């Protein structure tokens, strides 16, 4: 955690990048890659960032759209009983996990 100074966080000196440092990085990049290759690299980096954002949005939308529960508590307990799983003293999530494990062991799923 960063130390606080008043209402703003104090950033260590090694993480502060000013215009001089940015200019120096651009000059080094021009020397290493040349003026013809630099636009291609920037385009590829932009494309990679775009793809990363799209994929991360897909993942978050998939997590949000997951149904929280498609089976009632009563049906879950009946299923556990049929599979030979004790439902006493277990939370709904624990019971569901054990039912799934038992069903996999028996080759049902």
N, C-alpha and C. Protein backbone atom coordinates (compact mmCIF):
# COMPACT_ATOMS: atom_id res chain seq x y z
N UNK A 1 0.85 -1.17 0.00
CA UNK A 1 0.00 0.00 0.00
C UNK A 1 0.90 1.24 0.00
N UNK A 2 0.49 2.26 -0.76
CA UNK A 2 1.29 3.46 -0.87
C UNK A 2 1.07 4.37 0.33
N UNK A 3 2.12 5.04 0.80
CA UNK A 3 1.95 5.97 1.91
C UNK A 3 1.12 7.16 1.46
N UNK A 4 0.35 7.72 2.37
CA UNK A 4 -0.53 8.83 2.05
C UNK A 4 0.08 10.13 2.57
N UNK A 5 -0.02 11.18 1.80
CA UNK A 5 0.43 12.51 2.20
C UNK A 5 -0.74 13.45 2.00
N UNK A 6 -1.43 13.80 3.07
CA UNK A 6 -2.63 14.63 2.94
C UNK A 6 -3.73 13.81 2.31
N UNK A 7 -4.25 14.26 1.16
CA UNK A 7 -5.32 13.53 0.49
C UNK A 7 -4.83 12.77 -0.74
N UNK A 8 -3.52 12.84 -1.02
CA UNK A 8 -2.97 12.17 -2.19
C UNK A 8 -1.95 11.12 -1.78
N UNK A 9 -1.88 10.05 -2.58
CA UNK A 9 -0.89 9.00 -2.33
C UNK A 9 0.48 9.49 -2.80
N UNK A 10 1.50 9.12 -2.06
CA UNK A 10 2.86 9.47 -2.43
C UNK A 10 3.38 8.36 -3.33
N UNK A 11 3.77 8.71 -4.57
CA UNK A 11 4.27 7.74 -5.52
C UNK A 11 5.78 7.72 -5.45
N UNK A 12 6.39 6.53 -5.33
CA UNK A 12 7.85 6.47 -5.29
C UNK A 12 8.46 7.11 -6.54
N UNK A 13 9.62 7.68 -6.40
CA UNK A 13 10.28 8.41 -7.48
C UNK A 13 10.50 7.52 -8.70
N UNK A 14 10.79 6.26 -8.50
CA UNK A 14 11.11 5.39 -9.63
C UNK A 14 9.91 5.15 -10.55
N UNK A 15 8.69 5.53 -10.16
CA UNK A 15 7.52 5.31 -11.00
C UNK A 15 7.00 6.60 -11.62
N UNK A 16 7.67 7.70 -11.41
CA UNK A 16 7.24 8.97 -12.00
C UNK A 16 7.89 9.13 -13.36
N UNK A 17 7.04 9.27 -14.40
CA UNK A 17 7.55 9.44 -15.76
C UNK A 17 7.05 10.79 -16.26
N UNK A 18 7.99 11.64 -16.61
CA UNK A 18 7.65 12.97 -17.11
C UNK A 18 7.86 13.05 -18.61
N UNK A 19 7.67 14.24 -19.17
CA UNK A 19 7.82 14.40 -20.62
C UNK A 19 9.23 14.11 -21.11
N UNK A 20 10.23 14.41 -20.31
CA UNK A 20 11.62 14.14 -20.71
C UNK A 20 11.85 12.64 -20.86
N UNK A 21 11.34 11.86 -19.91
CA UNK A 21 11.52 10.41 -19.97
C UNK A 21 10.76 9.81 -21.16
N UNK A 22 9.56 10.33 -21.43
CA UNK A 22 8.78 9.84 -22.57
C UNK A 22 9.50 10.14 -23.87
N UNK A 23 10.06 11.35 -24.00
CA UNK A 23 10.81 11.72 -25.20
C UNK A 23 12.03 10.82 -25.36
N UNK A 24 12.71 10.53 -24.27
CA UNK A 24 13.87 9.65 -24.31
C UNK A 24 13.48 8.24 -24.77
N UNK A 25 12.34 7.74 -24.28
CA UNK A 25 11.87 6.42 -24.72
C UNK A 25 11.53 6.40 -26.20
N UNK A 26 10.93 7.47 -26.69
CA UNK A 26 10.60 7.55 -28.12
C UNK A 26 11.87 7.56 -28.97
N UNK A 27 12.88 8.31 -28.55
CA UNK A 27 14.15 8.37 -29.27
C UNK A 27 14.82 6.99 -29.29
N UNK A 28 14.82 6.31 -28.15
CA UNK A 28 15.42 4.97 -28.09
C UNK A 28 14.67 4.01 -29.01
N UNK A 29 13.34 4.10 -29.02
CA UNK A 29 12.54 3.24 -29.89
C UNK A 29 12.84 3.52 -31.36
N UNK A 30 13.00 4.79 -31.72
CA UNK A 30 13.34 5.13 -33.11
C UNK A 30 14.70 4.57 -33.50
N UNK A 31 15.65 4.63 -32.57
CA UNK A 31 16.99 4.11 -32.86
C UNK A 31 16.95 2.59 -33.02
N UNK A 32 16.23 1.91 -32.12
CA UNK A 32 16.19 0.45 -32.15
C UNK A 32 15.42 -0.10 -33.35
N UNK A 33 14.26 0.48 -33.64
CA UNK A 33 13.37 -0.10 -34.65
C UNK A 33 13.35 0.65 -35.97
N UNK A 34 13.76 1.88 -35.99
CA UNK A 34 13.76 2.67 -37.21
C UNK A 34 12.41 3.30 -37.46
N UNK A 35 12.39 4.38 -38.21
CA UNK A 35 11.15 5.12 -38.44
C UNK A 35 10.12 4.35 -39.29
N UNK A 36 10.57 3.38 -40.08
CA UNK A 36 9.63 2.63 -40.93
C UNK A 36 8.92 1.53 -40.13
N UNK A 37 9.61 0.95 -39.18
CA UNK A 37 9.06 -0.17 -38.43
C UNK A 37 8.19 0.29 -37.25
N UNK A 38 8.43 1.49 -36.72
CA UNK A 38 7.72 1.97 -35.54
C UNK A 38 6.20 2.05 -35.72
N UNK A 39 5.68 2.56 -36.84
CA UNK A 39 4.21 2.57 -37.00
C UNK A 39 3.60 1.17 -37.03
N UNK A 40 4.31 0.22 -37.60
CA UNK A 40 3.82 -1.16 -37.62
C UNK A 40 3.74 -1.73 -36.20
N UNK A 41 4.77 -1.44 -35.39
CA UNK A 41 4.78 -1.91 -34.01
C UNK A 41 3.65 -1.27 -33.20
N UNK A 42 3.42 0.02 -33.42
CA UNK A 42 2.35 0.72 -32.71
C UNK A 42 0.98 0.15 -33.11
N UNK A 43 0.81 -0.15 -34.39
CA UNK A 43 -0.44 -0.74 -34.86
C UNK A 43 -0.66 -2.11 -34.24
N UNK A 44 0.39 -2.93 -34.19
CA UNK A 44 0.28 -4.26 -33.60
C UNK A 44 -0.02 -4.17 -32.10
N UNK A 45 0.60 -3.23 -31.41
CA UNK A 45 0.34 -3.05 -29.98
C UNK A 45 -1.10 -2.60 -29.76
N UNK A 46 -1.59 -1.69 -30.58
CA UNK A 46 -2.98 -1.24 -30.48
C UNK A 46 -3.97 -2.36 -30.72
N UNK A 47 -3.67 -3.19 -31.69
CA UNK A 47 -4.54 -4.34 -32.00
C UNK A 47 -4.55 -5.33 -30.83
N UNK A 48 -3.39 -5.55 -30.23
CA UNK A 48 -3.30 -6.47 -29.08
C UNK A 48 -4.11 -5.93 -27.91
N UNK A 49 -4.03 -4.64 -27.65
CA UNK A 49 -4.81 -4.03 -26.56
C UNK A 49 -6.30 -4.16 -26.85
N UNK A 50 -6.71 -3.93 -28.10
CA UNK A 50 -8.13 -4.04 -28.48
C UNK A 50 -8.65 -5.46 -28.26
N UNK A 51 -7.88 -6.44 -28.68
CA UNK A 51 -8.29 -7.84 -28.51
C UNK A 51 -8.36 -8.20 -27.03
N UNK A 52 -7.39 -7.74 -26.25
CA UNK A 52 -7.40 -8.01 -24.81
C UNK A 52 -8.65 -7.43 -24.17
N UNK A 53 -9.00 -6.21 -24.51
CA UNK A 53 -10.20 -5.57 -23.94
C UNK A 53 -11.46 -6.35 -24.32
N UNK A 54 -11.57 -6.74 -25.60
CA UNK A 54 -12.75 -7.50 -26.04
C UNK A 54 -12.88 -8.81 -25.27
N UNK A 55 -11.78 -9.53 -25.14
CA UNK A 55 -11.82 -10.81 -24.45
C UNK A 55 -12.14 -10.65 -22.96
N UNK A 56 -11.58 -9.62 -22.33
CA UNK A 56 -11.88 -9.41 -20.91
C UNK A 56 -13.34 -9.00 -20.72
N UNK A 57 -13.91 -8.25 -21.67
CA UNK A 57 -15.33 -7.91 -21.59
C UNK A 57 -16.19 -9.15 -21.76
N UNK A 58 -15.79 -10.06 -22.64
CA UNK A 58 -16.54 -11.32 -22.82
C UNK A 58 -16.55 -12.12 -21.53
N UNK A 59 -15.39 -12.19 -20.88
CA UNK A 59 -15.28 -12.97 -19.64
C UNK A 59 -16.16 -12.37 -18.56
N UNK A 60 -16.12 -11.05 -18.40
CA UNK A 60 -16.94 -10.43 -17.36
C UNK A 60 -18.41 -10.55 -17.68
N UNK A 61 -18.78 -10.47 -18.95
CA UNK A 61 -20.20 -10.61 -19.29
C UNK A 61 -20.66 -12.05 -19.08
N UNK A 62 -19.77 -13.03 -19.30
CA UNK A 62 -20.13 -14.43 -19.06
C UNK A 62 -20.33 -14.67 -17.57
N UNK A 63 -19.48 -14.06 -16.72
CA UNK A 63 -19.61 -14.23 -15.28
C UNK A 63 -20.91 -13.61 -14.78
N UNK A 64 -21.29 -12.46 -15.34
CA UNK A 64 -22.50 -11.79 -14.91
C UNK A 64 -23.75 -12.53 -15.36
N UNK A 65 -23.67 -13.22 -16.51
CA UNK A 65 -24.86 -13.88 -17.05
C UNK A 65 -25.05 -15.30 -16.53
N UNK A 66 -24.11 -15.79 -15.73
CA UNK A 66 -24.26 -17.13 -15.16
C UNK A 66 -25.49 -17.18 -14.27
N UNK A 67 -26.32 -18.19 -14.43
CA UNK A 67 -27.45 -18.30 -13.53
C UNK A 67 -26.97 -18.64 -12.13
N UNK A 68 -27.51 -17.95 -11.14
CA UNK A 68 -27.06 -18.18 -9.77
C UNK A 68 -27.48 -19.56 -9.29
N UNK A 69 -28.67 -19.97 -9.65
CA UNK A 69 -29.14 -21.28 -9.23
C UNK A 69 -30.31 -21.68 -10.11
N UNK A 70 -30.20 -22.82 -10.75
CA UNK A 70 -31.29 -23.25 -11.62
C UNK A 70 -32.06 -24.41 -11.00
N UNK A 71 -31.72 -24.80 -9.80
CA UNK A 71 -32.39 -25.91 -9.13
C UNK A 71 -32.81 -25.45 -7.73
N UNK A 72 -33.98 -25.87 -7.33
CA UNK A 72 -34.47 -25.45 -6.01
C UNK A 72 -33.74 -26.23 -4.92
N UNK A 73 -33.81 -25.70 -3.70
CA UNK A 73 -33.16 -26.36 -2.56
C UNK A 73 -33.74 -27.76 -2.35
N UNK A 74 -35.04 -27.87 -2.50
CA UNK A 74 -35.71 -29.17 -2.30
C UNK A 74 -35.25 -30.19 -3.32
N UNK A 75 -35.15 -29.77 -4.59
CA UNK A 75 -34.69 -30.68 -5.64
C UNK A 75 -33.23 -31.07 -5.43
N UNK A 76 -32.42 -30.12 -4.95
CA UNK A 76 -31.02 -30.42 -4.68
C UNK A 76 -30.90 -31.46 -3.57
N UNK A 77 -31.71 -31.33 -2.53
CA UNK A 77 -31.68 -32.30 -1.43
C UNK A 77 -32.15 -33.67 -1.89
N UNK A 78 -33.17 -33.73 -2.75
CA UNK A 78 -33.65 -35.01 -3.29
C UNK A 78 -32.57 -35.67 -4.13
N UNK A 79 -31.90 -34.88 -4.94
CA UNK A 79 -30.83 -35.40 -5.78
C UNK A 79 -29.69 -35.93 -4.93
N UNK A 80 -29.34 -35.18 -3.88
CA UNK A 80 -28.28 -35.62 -2.97
C UNK A 80 -28.66 -36.93 -2.31
N UNK A 81 -29.90 -37.05 -1.91
CA UNK A 81 -30.37 -38.28 -1.27
C UNK A 81 -30.27 -39.47 -2.22
N UNK A 82 -30.65 -39.27 -3.48
CA UNK A 82 -30.58 -40.35 -4.47
C UNK A 82 -29.15 -40.77 -4.76
N UNK A 83 -28.23 -39.81 -4.65
CA UNK A 83 -26.82 -40.13 -4.91
C UNK A 83 -26.11 -40.63 -3.67
N UNK A 84 -26.80 -40.61 -2.53
CA UNK A 84 -26.20 -41.09 -1.29
C UNK A 84 -25.33 -40.06 -0.60
N UNK A 85 -25.65 -38.80 -0.79
CA UNK A 85 -24.89 -37.71 -0.19
C UNK A 85 -25.71 -37.16 0.97
N UNK A 86 -25.09 -37.04 2.13
CA UNK A 86 -25.77 -36.49 3.29
C UNK A 86 -25.87 -34.97 3.17
N UNK A 87 -27.08 -34.43 3.38
CA UNK A 87 -27.30 -32.99 3.22
C UNK A 87 -27.24 -32.26 4.55
N UNK A 88 -27.13 -32.97 5.64
CA UNK A 88 -27.19 -32.33 6.95
C UNK A 88 -25.92 -31.55 7.26
N UNK A 89 -26.11 -30.33 7.77
CA UNK A 89 -25.01 -29.49 8.22
C UNK A 89 -24.18 -28.89 7.10
N UNK A 90 -24.67 -28.90 5.86
CA UNK A 90 -23.91 -28.38 4.73
C UNK A 90 -24.64 -27.19 4.12
N UNK A 91 -23.86 -26.23 3.64
CA UNK A 91 -24.45 -25.09 2.94
C UNK A 91 -24.89 -25.56 1.56
N UNK A 92 -25.66 -24.73 0.90
CA UNK A 92 -26.16 -25.06 -0.44
C UNK A 92 -24.99 -25.29 -1.40
N UNK A 93 -23.97 -24.42 -1.31
CA UNK A 93 -22.82 -24.54 -2.20
C UNK A 93 -22.03 -25.83 -1.94
N UNK A 94 -21.84 -26.15 -0.66
CA UNK A 94 -21.12 -27.39 -0.32
C UNK A 94 -21.89 -28.60 -0.81
N UNK A 95 -23.20 -28.58 -0.63
CA UNK A 95 -24.03 -29.70 -1.07
C UNK A 95 -23.98 -29.84 -2.59
N UNK A 96 -24.07 -28.72 -3.29
CA UNK A 96 -24.01 -28.76 -4.76
C UNK A 96 -22.67 -29.31 -5.23
N UNK A 97 -21.58 -28.87 -4.61
CA UNK A 97 -20.26 -29.37 -4.99
C UNK A 97 -20.14 -30.87 -4.77
N UNK A 98 -20.66 -31.34 -3.64
CA UNK A 98 -20.57 -32.77 -3.33
C UNK A 98 -21.44 -33.59 -4.27
N UNK A 99 -22.63 -33.07 -4.62
CA UNK A 99 -23.51 -33.76 -5.56
C UNK A 99 -22.83 -33.86 -6.92
N UNK A 100 -22.21 -32.79 -7.37
CA UNK A 100 -21.51 -32.80 -8.66
C UNK A 100 -20.36 -33.79 -8.63
N UNK A 101 -19.57 -33.78 -7.54
CA UNK A 101 -18.45 -34.72 -7.42
C UNK A 101 -18.93 -36.16 -7.47
N UNK A 102 -20.00 -36.45 -6.72
CA UNK A 102 -20.55 -37.81 -6.66
C UNK A 102 -21.09 -38.23 -8.03
N UNK A 103 -21.75 -37.31 -8.72
CA UNK A 103 -22.29 -37.62 -10.05
C UNK A 103 -21.16 -37.91 -11.03
N UNK A 104 -20.06 -37.17 -10.92
CA UNK A 104 -18.90 -37.43 -11.78
C UNK A 104 -18.30 -38.79 -11.49
N UNK A 105 -18.22 -39.14 -10.18
CA UNK A 105 -17.66 -40.44 -9.80
C UNK A 105 -18.49 -41.58 -10.39
N UNK A 106 -19.80 -41.38 -10.44
CA UNK A 106 -20.69 -42.43 -10.95
C UNK A 106 -20.84 -42.36 -12.45
N UNK A 107 -20.17 -41.41 -13.08
CA UNK A 107 -20.21 -41.32 -14.56
C UNK A 107 -21.50 -40.73 -15.08
N UNK A 108 -22.23 -40.00 -14.26
CA UNK A 108 -23.48 -39.40 -14.70
C UNK A 108 -23.27 -38.10 -15.45
N UNK A 109 -22.18 -37.42 -15.11
CA UNK A 109 -21.86 -36.18 -15.85
C UNK A 109 -20.38 -36.17 -16.18
